[in-house]
Amino acid sequence: MTNKIKSPIGGLSFDTLKNDLPAGLVVFLVALPLCLGIALASGAPLFSGLITGVIGGMIVSMASGSQLAVSGPAAGLTIIVLTAITDIGSYPGFLVAVVLAGILQLVLGFVKAGTIGNYFPSSVIKGMLAAIGIILIIKQIPHAIGYDVDYEGDFQFDQPDHENSFSALISAVNKMSIGALIISGVSTLILVYWNKIKVKQLQLIPAPLIVVLLGIGLNILFDNAFPDISLHDNHLVNLPVAASANEFISFFTFPDFTFLKQGIIYKVALTLAIVASIETLLSIEAVDKLDTHRRNTPPNRELKAQGVGNIVAGLI
């Protein structure tokens, strides 16, 4: 019998490091485009998507008691975040609400409120997530076919470009980009059929990663062979590139605590804490049910971990 060397952080074990590292790498590669996409859809700076992805993958995972769940930006909160940033009128002000939401989640964890997930009707959450999914699909169709007039604010029914959710679909069809249509069509097919490929070695590569690499490759091909259909700056996600250490530091956005004087901050914080906590509790419950080893994630510890993650994400 060999002695297992346990780390003092969370439930991590050094003897499983050889499995944890490749699993973490795969999750990172899959989550990277997702983090950018959610940040873009939420009206937040793209760099914030990277930050929250790192915080969710490192800090929250170390504090969490779950051996299966992963953390990061949540698609289910996209519309809530976008609305909150719009209502507050300032991203630094929104970060204050994120910090407060994290503190509320910590409090919920300490008072053992995690058991509420056992009593909350799952049909309500499923309905909410289904509604969010429908909105995301409708709002992303124009981007999928190359009609990228605006990003921030177009999750509202009445958009800043004087379109609404349905008229924007008609305008998108009339102004579609062949290059974007090809890339989105091929990407959708890969996402649907990749896991059905019987080659075991190929299934080790996550489909979202293939989609990202293929999209880049196709656009490079279009640039060189078919410039008329290639995607240009207004269709691309442009991440800031730092030329110096000082410039890199400038990419970080810090909370403006003067917004504590505004009542909207507390309303947003409460909304974020409640929705994020319920979504977390139901997610770990679903994951635990799928676990063949029947391991149980401590819900109160998970709330504390999420709270710590939100506090750190809000502060930087």
Protein backbone atom coordinates (compact mmCIF):
# COMPACT_ATOMS: atom_id res chain seq x y z
CA MET A 1 0.00 0.00 0.00
CA THR A 2 1.37 3.42 -0.94
CA ASN A 3 0.74 6.62 0.94
CA LYS A 4 -1.06 9.31 -1.02
CA ILE A 5 0.39 12.79 -0.75
CA LYS A 6 -2.47 15.19 -0.26
CA SER A 7 -2.29 18.88 -1.00
CA PRO A 8 -3.59 21.28 1.66
CA ILE A 9 -5.74 23.04 -0.93
CA GLY A 10 -9.30 21.86 -1.49
CA GLY A 11 -9.65 18.25 -2.55
CA LEU A 12 -6.60 18.22 -4.81
CA SER A 13 -4.29 15.24 -4.65
CA PHE A 14 -0.76 15.24 -6.02
CA ASP A 15 -1.02 11.57 -6.95
CA THR A 16 -3.69 12.43 -9.55
CA LEU A 17 -1.69 15.29 -11.03
CA LYS A 18 -0.84 13.32 -14.18
CA ASN A 19 -4.57 13.12 -14.92
CA ASP A 20 -5.49 16.56 -13.63
CA LEU A 21 -3.02 18.44 -15.85
CA PRO A 22 -4.25 17.16 -19.25
CA ALA A 23 -7.87 17.47 -18.08
CA GLY A 24 -7.21 21.05 -17.00
CA LEU A 25 -5.54 21.82 -20.34
CA VAL A 26 -8.54 20.53 -22.28
CA VAL A 27 -10.97 22.53 -20.12
CA PHE A 28 -8.83 25.65 -20.62
CA LEU A 29 -8.77 25.25 -24.42
CA VAL A 30 -12.53 24.70 -24.53
CA ALA A 31 -13.30 27.50 -22.08
CA LEU A 32 -11.10 30.15 -23.72
CA PRO A 33 -13.39 30.91 -26.69
CA LEU A 34 -16.41 30.52 -24.41
CA CYS A 35 -15.02 33.09 -21.95
CA LEU A 36 -14.41 35.55 -24.78
CA GLY A 37 -17.85 34.93 -26.26
CA ILE A 38 -19.68 35.44 -22.98
CA ALA A 39 -17.72 38.60 -22.21
CA LEU A 40 -18.56 39.92 -25.66
CA ALA A 41 -22.25 39.05 -25.33
CA SER A 42 -22.40 40.54 -21.82
CA GLY A 43 -21.07 43.92 -22.89
CA ALA A 44 -17.99 43.50 -20.68
CA PRO A 45 -14.36 44.06 -21.77
CA LEU A 46 -12.96 41.02 -23.56
CA PHE A 47 -10.01 40.92 -21.16
CA SER A 48 -12.46 40.39 -18.30
CA GLY A 49 -13.54 37.13 -19.93
CA LEU A 50 -9.97 35.84 -19.74
CA ILE A 51 -9.61 36.96 -16.12
CA THR A 52 -12.80 35.27 -14.96
CA GLY A 53 -11.84 32.11 -16.82
CA VAL A 54 -8.51 31.96 -14.99
CA ILE A 55 -10.12 32.74 -11.62
CA GLY A 56 -12.81 30.13 -12.13
CA GLY A 57 -10.32 27.50 -13.23
CA MET A 58 -7.76 28.11 -10.49
CA ILE A 59 -9.12 29.82 -7.39
CA VAL A 60 -12.64 28.41 -7.42
CA SER A 61 -11.50 24.89 -8.32
CA MET A 62 -8.99 24.85 -5.45
CA ALA A 63 -11.57 26.07 -2.94
CA SER A 64 -14.36 23.86 -4.28
CA GLY A 65 -15.20 20.47 -2.87
CA SER A 66 -16.32 19.11 -6.24
CA GLN A 67 -14.14 16.65 -8.13
CA LEU A 68 -16.11 17.04 -11.35
CA ALA A 69 -17.52 20.55 -11.67
CA VAL A 70 -15.68 23.37 -13.46
CA SER A 71 -16.22 27.09 -12.98
CA GLY A 72 -16.02 30.15 -15.17
CA PRO A 73 -18.23 32.75 -16.86
CA ALA A 74 -21.83 31.50 -16.97
CA ALA A 75 -23.88 31.81 -20.16
CA GLY A 76 -27.04 31.81 -18.05
CA LEU A 77 -26.03 35.14 -16.51
CA THR A 78 -25.24 36.85 -19.82
CA ILE A 79 -28.44 38.85 -20.10
CA ILE A 80 -28.47 39.67 -16.39
CA VAL A 81 -24.90 41.02 -16.60
CA LEU A 82 -25.61 42.99 -19.76
CA THR A 83 -28.71 44.56 -18.23
CA ALA A 84 -26.85 45.31 -15.00
CA ILE A 85 -23.96 47.05 -16.79
CA THR A 86 -26.47 49.08 -18.81
CA ASP A 87 -28.54 50.06 -15.75
CA ILE A 88 -25.50 50.99 -13.65
CA GLY A 89 -23.91 52.78 -16.59
CA SER A 90 -20.36 51.84 -15.62
CA TYR A 91 -18.35 48.63 -15.75
CA PRO A 92 -16.25 49.61 -12.67
CA GLY A 93 -19.55 50.21 -10.89
CA PHE A 94 -20.76 46.77 -11.94
CA LEU A 95 -17.61 45.23 -10.44
CA VAL A 96 -18.68 46.64 -7.07
CA ALA A 97 -21.93 44.66 -7.40
CA VAL A 98 -19.90 41.53 -8.24
CA VAL A 99 -17.83 41.94 -5.06
CA LEU A 100 -20.99 42.38 -2.98
CA ALA A 101 -22.55 39.34 -4.66
CA GLY A 102 -19.48 37.31 -3.73
CA ILE A 103 -19.75 38.42 -0.11
CA LEU A 104 -23.43 37.42 -0.08
CA GLN A 105 -22.52 33.98 -1.46
CA LEU A 106 -19.90 33.58 1.27
CA VAL A 107 -22.53 34.43 3.88
CA LEU A 108 -24.96 31.94 2.31
CA GLY A 109 -22.28 29.27 2.49
CA PHE A 110 -21.49 29.95 6.15
CA VAL A 111 -25.16 29.88 7.19
CA LYS A 112 -25.52 26.58 5.29
CA ALA A 113 -28.08 27.89 2.82
CA GLY A 114 -26.83 25.45 0.17
CA THR A 115 -29.56 23.00 1.10
CA ILE A 116 -32.11 25.34 -0.50
CA GLY A 117 -31.17 23.78 -3.82
CA ASN A 118 -33.03 20.64 -2.72
CA TYR A 119 -36.31 22.54 -2.41
CA PHE A 120 -36.16 24.93 -5.36
CA PRO A 121 -38.35 23.75 -8.28
CA SER A 122 -35.99 22.71 -11.05
CA SER A 123 -38.72 23.45 -13.61
CA VAL A 124 -38.40 27.17 -12.83
CA ILE A 125 -34.66 27.18 -13.50
CA LYS A 126 -35.07 25.02 -16.61
CA GLY A 127 -37.68 27.44 -17.91
CA MET A 128 -35.44 30.42 -17.20
CA LEU A 129 -32.43 28.81 -18.90
CA ALA A 130 -34.58 27.72 -21.86
CA ALA A 131 -35.82 31.30 -22.28
CA ILE A 132 -32.25 32.61 -22.10
CA GLY A 133 -31.23 30.00 -24.67
CA ILE A 134 -33.94 31.12 -27.09
CA ILE A 135 -32.87 34.76 -26.72
CA LEU A 136 -29.21 33.83 -27.27
CA ILE A 137 -30.06 31.87 -30.43
CA ILE A 138 -32.18 34.68 -31.89
CA LYS A 139 -29.58 37.31 -31.07
CA GLN A 140 -26.61 35.30 -32.34
CA ILE A 141 -28.10 34.38 -35.74
CA PRO A 142 -27.16 37.80 -37.23
CA HIS A 143 -23.57 37.39 -35.99
CA ALA A 144 -23.45 33.83 -37.35
CA ILE A 145 -24.18 35.07 -40.86
CA GLY A 146 -21.93 38.12 -40.63
CA TYR A 147 -24.26 40.98 -39.67
CA ASP A 148 -22.14 42.53 -36.90
CA VAL A 149 -23.58 46.03 -36.56
CA ASP A 150 -23.30 46.15 -32.78
CA TYR A 151 -22.56 43.90 -29.82
CA GLU A 152 -23.30 45.81 -26.63
CA GLY A 153 -26.98 46.34 -26.01
CA ASP A 154 -28.34 44.17 -28.81
CA PHE A 155 -29.72 41.70 -26.26
CA GLN A 156 -32.51 44.21 -25.71
CA PHE A 157 -35.62 43.80 -27.83
CA ASP A 158 -35.26 47.40 -29.07
CA GLN A 159 -31.63 47.70 -30.15
CA PRO A 160 -29.41 50.80 -30.29
CA ASP A 161 -29.27 50.49 -34.12
CA HIS A 162 -33.06 51.12 -34.25
CA GLU A 163 -33.75 47.46 -35.04
CA ASN A 164 -35.59 44.98 -32.85
CA SER A 165 -35.01 41.26 -32.30
CA PHE A 166 -37.08 40.22 -35.31
CA SER A 167 -36.38 43.03 -37.78
CA ALA A 168 -32.65 42.44 -37.15
CA LEU A 169 -33.04 38.90 -38.49
CA ILE A 170 -34.48 40.26 -41.76
CA SER A 171 -31.71 42.86 -42.04
CA ALA A 172 -29.12 40.18 -41.32
CA VAL A 173 -30.37 37.96 -44.15
CA ASN A 174 -30.22 40.90 -46.57
CA LYS A 175 -26.64 41.75 -45.55
CA MET A 176 -25.14 38.36 -44.85
CA SER A 177 -21.48 37.55 -45.40
CA ILE A 178 -20.74 34.39 -47.40
CA GLY A 179 -17.49 33.87 -45.48
CA ALA A 180 -19.21 34.09 -42.09
CA LEU A 181 -22.00 31.79 -43.29
CA ILE A 182 -19.49 29.14 -44.41
CA ILE A 183 -17.52 29.31 -41.15
CA SER A 184 -20.59 29.20 -38.90
CA GLY A 185 -22.18 26.39 -40.95
CA VAL A 186 -19.07 24.19 -40.89
CA SER A 187 -18.56 24.96 -37.19
CA THR A 188 -22.13 23.93 -36.34
CA LEU A 189 -21.73 20.64 -38.22
CA ILE A 190 -18.51 19.88 -36.35
CA LEU A 191 -20.10 20.61 -32.97
CA VAL A 192 -23.02 18.30 -33.79
CA TYR A 193 -21.16 15.38 -35.38
CA TRP A 194 -17.62 15.43 -33.92
CA ASN A 195 -18.42 13.11 -30.99
CA LYS A 196 -19.98 10.62 -33.39
CA ILE A 197 -16.62 9.96 -35.05
CA LYS A 198 -15.46 6.47 -34.09
CA VAL A 199 -11.73 7.28 -34.11
CA LYS A 200 -10.76 7.31 -30.43
CA GLN A 201 -7.71 9.54 -30.93
CA LEU A 202 -9.82 12.26 -32.57
CA GLN A 203 -12.37 12.21 -29.75
CA LEU A 204 -9.60 13.26 -27.35
CA ILE A 205 -9.65 16.67 -29.07
CA PRO A 206 -12.65 18.75 -27.92
CA ALA A 207 -15.00 19.90 -30.68
CA PRO A 208 -15.02 23.59 -29.61
CA LEU A 209 -11.24 23.68 -29.98
CA ILE A 210 -11.50 22.24 -33.50
CA VAL A 211 -14.13 24.87 -34.33
CA VAL A 212 -11.92 27.73 -33.15
CA LEU A 213 -8.86 26.48 -35.06
CA LEU A 214 -10.88 25.74 -38.19
CA GLY A 215 -12.52 29.17 -38.10
CA ILE A 216 -9.11 30.84 -37.95
CA GLY A 217 -7.78 28.60 -40.71
CA LEU A 218 -10.73 29.19 -43.00
CA ASN A 219 -10.48 32.96 -42.64
CA ILE A 220 -6.74 32.85 -43.41
CA LEU A 221 -7.61 30.78 -46.50
CA PHE A 222 -10.24 33.33 -47.51
CA ASP A 223 -7.75 36.19 -47.02
CA ASN A 224 -5.29 34.61 -49.42
CA ALA A 225 -7.51 32.87 -51.96
CA PHE A 226 -10.94 34.51 -51.74
CA PRO A 227 -10.47 38.03 -50.33
CA ASP A 228 -14.01 39.07 -51.31
CA ILE A 229 -15.55 36.78 -48.67
CA SER A 230 -12.91 37.04 -45.93
CA LEU A 231 -13.88 38.47 -42.54
CA HIS A 232 -12.33 41.78 -41.53
CA ASP A 233 -11.94 43.83 -38.34
CA ASN A 234 -15.64 44.50 -37.78
CA HIS A 235 -16.29 40.73 -37.82
CA LEU A 236 -13.36 39.70 -35.62
CA VAL A 237 -12.78 39.56 -31.87
CA ASN A 238 -9.92 41.99 -31.24
CA LEU A 239 -8.07 41.32 -28.01
CA PRO A 240 -5.82 44.08 -26.69
CA VAL A 241 -2.10 43.41 -27.09
CA ALA A 242 0.24 44.89 -24.50
CA ALA A 243 3.49 46.46 -25.68
CA SER A 244 4.82 46.83 -22.14
CA ALA A 245 4.19 45.72 -18.56
CA ASN A 246 2.53 49.04 -17.72
CA GLU A 247 0.21 48.74 -20.67
CA PHE A 248 -0.70 45.20 -19.61
CA ILE A 249 -1.61 46.43 -16.13
CA SER A 250 -3.81 49.07 -17.73
CA PHE A 251 -5.99 46.30 -19.16
CA PHE A 252 -7.25 45.49 -15.66
CA THR A 253 -10.39 47.29 -14.54
CA PHE A 254 -10.85 47.91 -10.83
CA PRO A 255 -14.13 48.55 -8.97
CA ASP A 256 -15.25 52.08 -8.26
CA PHE A 257 -16.55 51.92 -4.69
CA THR A 258 -18.13 55.36 -4.96
CA PHE A 259 -21.04 53.48 -6.56
CA LEU A 260 -21.88 52.09 -3.10
CA LYS A 261 -23.99 55.22 -2.72
CA GLN A 262 -26.34 54.04 -5.47
CA GLY A 263 -29.21 51.72 -4.59
CA ILE A 264 -29.06 49.94 -7.96
CA ILE A 265 -25.75 48.37 -6.91
CA TYR A 266 -27.40 46.43 -4.07
CA LYS A 267 -30.27 45.30 -6.28
CA VAL A 268 -27.84 43.97 -8.91
CA ALA A 269 -25.65 42.31 -6.25
CA LEU A 270 -28.64 40.52 -4.73
CA THR A 271 -29.84 39.38 -8.17
CA LEU A 272 -26.40 38.09 -9.14
CA ALA A 273 -25.91 36.29 -5.83
CA ILE A 274 -29.30 34.56 -5.91
CA VAL A 275 -29.28 33.53 -9.58
CA ALA A 276 -25.61 32.47 -9.57
CA SER A 277 -26.06 30.49 -6.33
CA ILE A 278 -29.15 28.65 -7.55
CA GLU A 279 -27.53 27.92 -10.90
CA THR A 280 -24.43 26.60 -9.12
CA LEU A 281 -26.42 24.41 -6.73
CA LEU A 282 -28.54 22.90 -9.50
CA SER A 283 -25.49 22.36 -11.69
CA ILE A 284 -23.56 20.43 -9.05
CA GLU A 285 -26.70 18.44 -8.26
CA ALA A 286 -26.98 17.45 -11.93
CA VAL A 287 -23.28 16.60 -12.13
CA ASP A 288 -23.44 14.47 -8.98
CA LYS A 289 -26.35 12.52 -10.44
CA LEU A 290 -24.27 11.74 -13.54
CA ASP A 291 -21.28 10.63 -11.48
CA THR A 292 -20.92 6.84 -11.67
CA HIS A 293 -18.91 6.90 -8.41
CA ARG A 294 -21.84 8.58 -6.58
CA ARG A 295 -19.69 11.31 -5.04
CA ASN A 296 -21.49 14.22 -3.43
CA THR A 297 -20.37 17.83 -3.73
CA PRO A 298 -20.77 19.80 -0.48
CA PRO A 299 -23.15 22.59 -1.55
CA ASN A 300 -22.20 25.06 1.17
CA ARG A 301 -18.51 24.73 0.37
CA GLU A 302 -19.33 25.26 -3.30
CA LEU A 303 -21.16 28.49 -2.46
CA LYS A 304 -18.15 29.69 -0.47
CA ALA A 305 -15.83 28.85 -3.37
CA GLN A 306 -18.04 30.73 -5.83
CA GLY A 307 -18.20 33.67 -3.42
CA VAL A 308 -14.41 33.84 -3.17
CA GLY A 309 -14.15 33.66 -6.95
CA ASN A 310 -16.61 36.51 -7.45
CA ILE A 311 -14.85 38.69 -4.88
CA VAL A 312 -11.48 38.20 -6.57
CA ALA A 313 -13.00 38.67 -10.06
CA GLY A 314 -14.68 41.88 -8.94
CA LEU A 315 -11.52 43.31 -7.39
CA ILE A 316 -9.41 42.83 -10.53
